């Protein structure tokens, strides 16, 4: 379906493809701003935007993206567990520090300064390691035994 010629809005059509597609399309789209017919120096007053409606709309988008991220992380964990089983059954170690460093570097490159923290958190989840408990945490710590660190 050609999103540009469809009677559906681009946003509605692309939302079905996920937020990444929406962002990519927006970044590649030419601006739809109309040329002003007003004399130079004269501007329209800003449109009144209901910030609560905008926040609610963005939160719905975020919630949808979070669901997709969670599903992808589950799939990643399954693939990681499979690699770990293959490696250990062949006499290898449970972890591959060089591979983990590649993953951390990739996340750092893609996400910037916080990317390494994201990668480390994902690697810990795949190993079954719980994050260090904080003063606000109410969950009991679980075993930190490495269960799958294949990545």
Protein backbone atom coordinates (compact mmCIF):
# COMPACT_ATOMS: atom_id res chain seq x y z
CA UNK A 1 0.00 0.00 0.00
CA UNK A 2 1.36 3.40 -0.94
CA UNK A 3 0.97 5.37 2.27
CA UNK A 4 1.30 8.71 0.49
CA UNK A 5 -1.67 8.13 -1.83
CA UNK A 6 -3.87 6.29 0.62
CA UNK A 7 -6.99 7.87 2.04
CA UNK A 8 -5.77 6.72 5.45
CA UNK A 9 -3.60 9.16 7.25
CA UNK A 10 0.10 8.37 7.08
CA UNK A 11 0.21 8.28 10.85
CA UNK A 12 -2.63 5.77 11.16
CA UNK A 13 -1.16 3.53 8.48
CA UNK A 14 2.34 3.65 9.88
CA UNK A 15 1.22 3.11 13.46
CA UNK A 16 0.33 -0.42 12.40
CA UNK A 17 3.95 -0.86 11.33
CA UNK A 18 5.28 0.33 14.65
CA UNK A 19 6.73 3.51 16.00
CA UNK A 20 10.07 3.02 14.27
CA UNK A 21 8.40 3.11 10.86
CA UNK A 22 6.48 6.20 11.91
CA UNK A 23 9.65 7.97 12.96
CA UNK A 24 11.51 6.92 9.82
CA UNK A 25 8.69 8.11 7.57
CA UNK A 26 8.47 11.42 9.39
CA UNK A 27 12.19 11.97 9.08
CA UNK A 28 12.15 11.23 5.35
CA UNK A 29 8.97 13.16 4.51
CA UNK A 30 9.08 16.59 2.94
CA UNK A 31 7.63 19.31 5.09
CA UNK A 32 3.92 19.91 4.56
CA UNK A 33 4.09 23.46 5.85
CA UNK A 34 2.16 25.85 3.65
CA UNK A 35 3.71 29.04 2.46
CA UNK A 36 2.37 31.94 4.48
CA UNK A 37 0.07 34.38 2.70
CA UNK A 38 0.48 36.96 5.45
CA UNK A 39 2.67 40.02 5.11
CA UNK A 40 6.21 39.69 6.42
CA UNK A 41 6.50 40.18 10.16
CA UNK A 42 2.92 39.13 10.84
CA UNK A 43 2.34 35.68 12.32
CA UNK A 44 -0.65 33.59 13.31
CA UNK A 45 -1.25 33.12 17.02
CA UNK A 46 -0.14 29.68 18.19
CA UNK A 47 -2.83 27.01 18.08
CA UNK A 48 -4.21 26.04 21.46
CA UNK A 49 -3.10 22.50 22.26
CA UNK A 50 -4.54 20.48 25.10
CA UNK A 51 -1.36 19.25 26.79
CA UNK A 52 -3.25 16.51 28.63
CA UNK A 53 -4.60 15.07 25.38
CA UNK A 54 -1.16 15.24 23.81
CA UNK A 55 0.41 13.54 26.83
CA UNK A 56 -2.25 10.82 26.82
CA UNK A 57 -1.70 10.22 23.10
CA UNK A 58 2.06 9.98 23.53
CA UNK A 59 1.66 7.64 26.50
CA UNK A 60 -0.46 5.30 24.37
CA UNK A 61 2.31 5.28 21.77
CA UNK A 62 4.92 4.62 24.48
CA UNK A 63 2.82 1.79 25.95
CA UNK A 64 2.55 0.16 22.53
CA UNK A 65 6.28 0.48 21.96
CA UNK A 66 7.00 -0.94 25.42
CA UNK A 67 4.87 -4.01 24.60
CA UNK A 68 6.86 -4.51 21.39
CA UNK A 69 10.16 -4.08 23.23
CA UNK A 70 9.12 -6.62 25.88
CA UNK A 71 8.18 -9.17 23.21
CA UNK A 72 11.49 -8.62 21.42
CA UNK A 73 13.39 -9.02 24.68
CA UNK A 74 11.58 -12.31 25.34
CA UNK A 75 12.57 -13.53 21.87
CA UNK A 76 16.12 -12.35 22.47
CA UNK A 77 16.23 -14.24 25.76
CA UNK A 78 15.07 -17.44 24.08
CA UNK A 79 17.71 -17.11 21.36
CA UNK A 80 20.34 -16.35 24.00
CA UNK A 81 19.36 -19.45 25.99
CA UNK A 82 19.62 -21.58 22.86
CA UNK A 83 23.11 -20.28 22.05
CA UNK A 84 24.18 -20.86 25.66
CA UNK A 85 22.94 -24.46 25.57
CA UNK A 86 24.76 -25.13 22.30
CA UNK A 87 27.96 -23.57 23.62
CA UNK A 88 27.97 -25.42 26.95
CA UNK A 89 27.03 -28.76 25.38
CA UNK A 90 30.11 -28.37 23.16
CA UNK A 91 32.26 -27.80 26.26
CA UNK A 92 32.29 -24.01 26.08
CA UNK A 93 31.76 -21.46 28.82
CA UNK A 94 28.39 -20.04 29.82
CA UNK A 95 29.49 -16.52 28.99
CA UNK A 96 31.40 -15.02 26.09
CA UNK A 97 33.01 -11.79 27.33
CA UNK A 98 34.13 -10.75 23.83
CA UNK A 99 30.59 -11.15 22.51
CA UNK A 100 29.16 -9.23 25.46
CA UNK A 101 31.57 -6.38 24.76
CA UNK A 102 30.42 -6.30 21.12
CA UNK A 103 26.82 -6.00 22.32
CA UNK A 104 27.66 -3.24 24.80
CA UNK A 105 29.56 -1.35 22.08
CA UNK A 106 26.66 -1.69 19.64
CA UNK A 107 24.19 -0.29 22.17
CA UNK A 108 26.57 2.53 23.08
CA UNK A 109 26.95 3.43 19.42
CA UNK A 110 23.23 3.30 18.80
CA UNK A 111 21.95 4.97 21.95
CA UNK A 112 24.78 7.15 23.18
CA UNK A 113 25.99 7.44 26.74
CA UNK A 114 23.17 5.40 28.30
CA UNK A 115 23.45 2.63 25.72
CA UNK A 116 26.01 0.66 27.71
CA UNK A 117 23.66 0.61 30.71
CA UNK A 118 20.80 -0.64 28.53
CA UNK A 119 22.98 -3.41 27.09
CA UNK A 120 24.22 -4.47 30.52
CA UNK A 121 20.65 -4.60 31.84
CA UNK A 122 19.59 -6.78 28.91
CA UNK A 123 22.58 -9.07 29.36
CA UNK A 124 21.75 -9.40 33.07
CA UNK A 125 18.12 -10.26 32.30
CA UNK A 126 19.25 -12.94 29.86
CA UNK A 127 21.52 -14.38 32.57
CA UNK A 128 18.76 -14.29 35.19
CA UNK A 129 20.67 -11.74 37.26
CA UNK A 130 18.49 -9.36 39.22
CA UNK A 131 19.49 -5.70 39.37
CA UNK A 132 20.94 -4.52 42.66
CA UNK A 133 18.17 -3.69 45.09
CA UNK A 134 17.54 -0.07 45.92
CA UNK A 135 15.86 1.54 48.88
CA UNK A 136 12.59 1.66 46.93
CA UNK A 137 12.68 -1.97 45.82
CA UNK A 138 10.22 -4.28 47.52
CA UNK A 139 11.10 -7.51 45.74
CA UNK A 140 13.31 -10.10 47.32
CA UNK A 141 16.57 -10.76 45.50
CA UNK A 142 16.72 -13.96 43.49
CA UNK A 143 19.56 -16.21 42.54
CA UNK A 144 22.30 -14.62 40.49
CA UNK A 145 23.39 -17.93 39.01
CA UNK A 146 24.03 -17.54 35.33
CA UNK A 147 21.38 -19.44 33.43
CA UNK A 148 21.83 -18.17 29.91
CA UNK A 149 24.45 -15.76 28.83
CA UNK A 150 24.80 -16.64 25.22
CA UNK A 151 23.89 -13.40 23.52
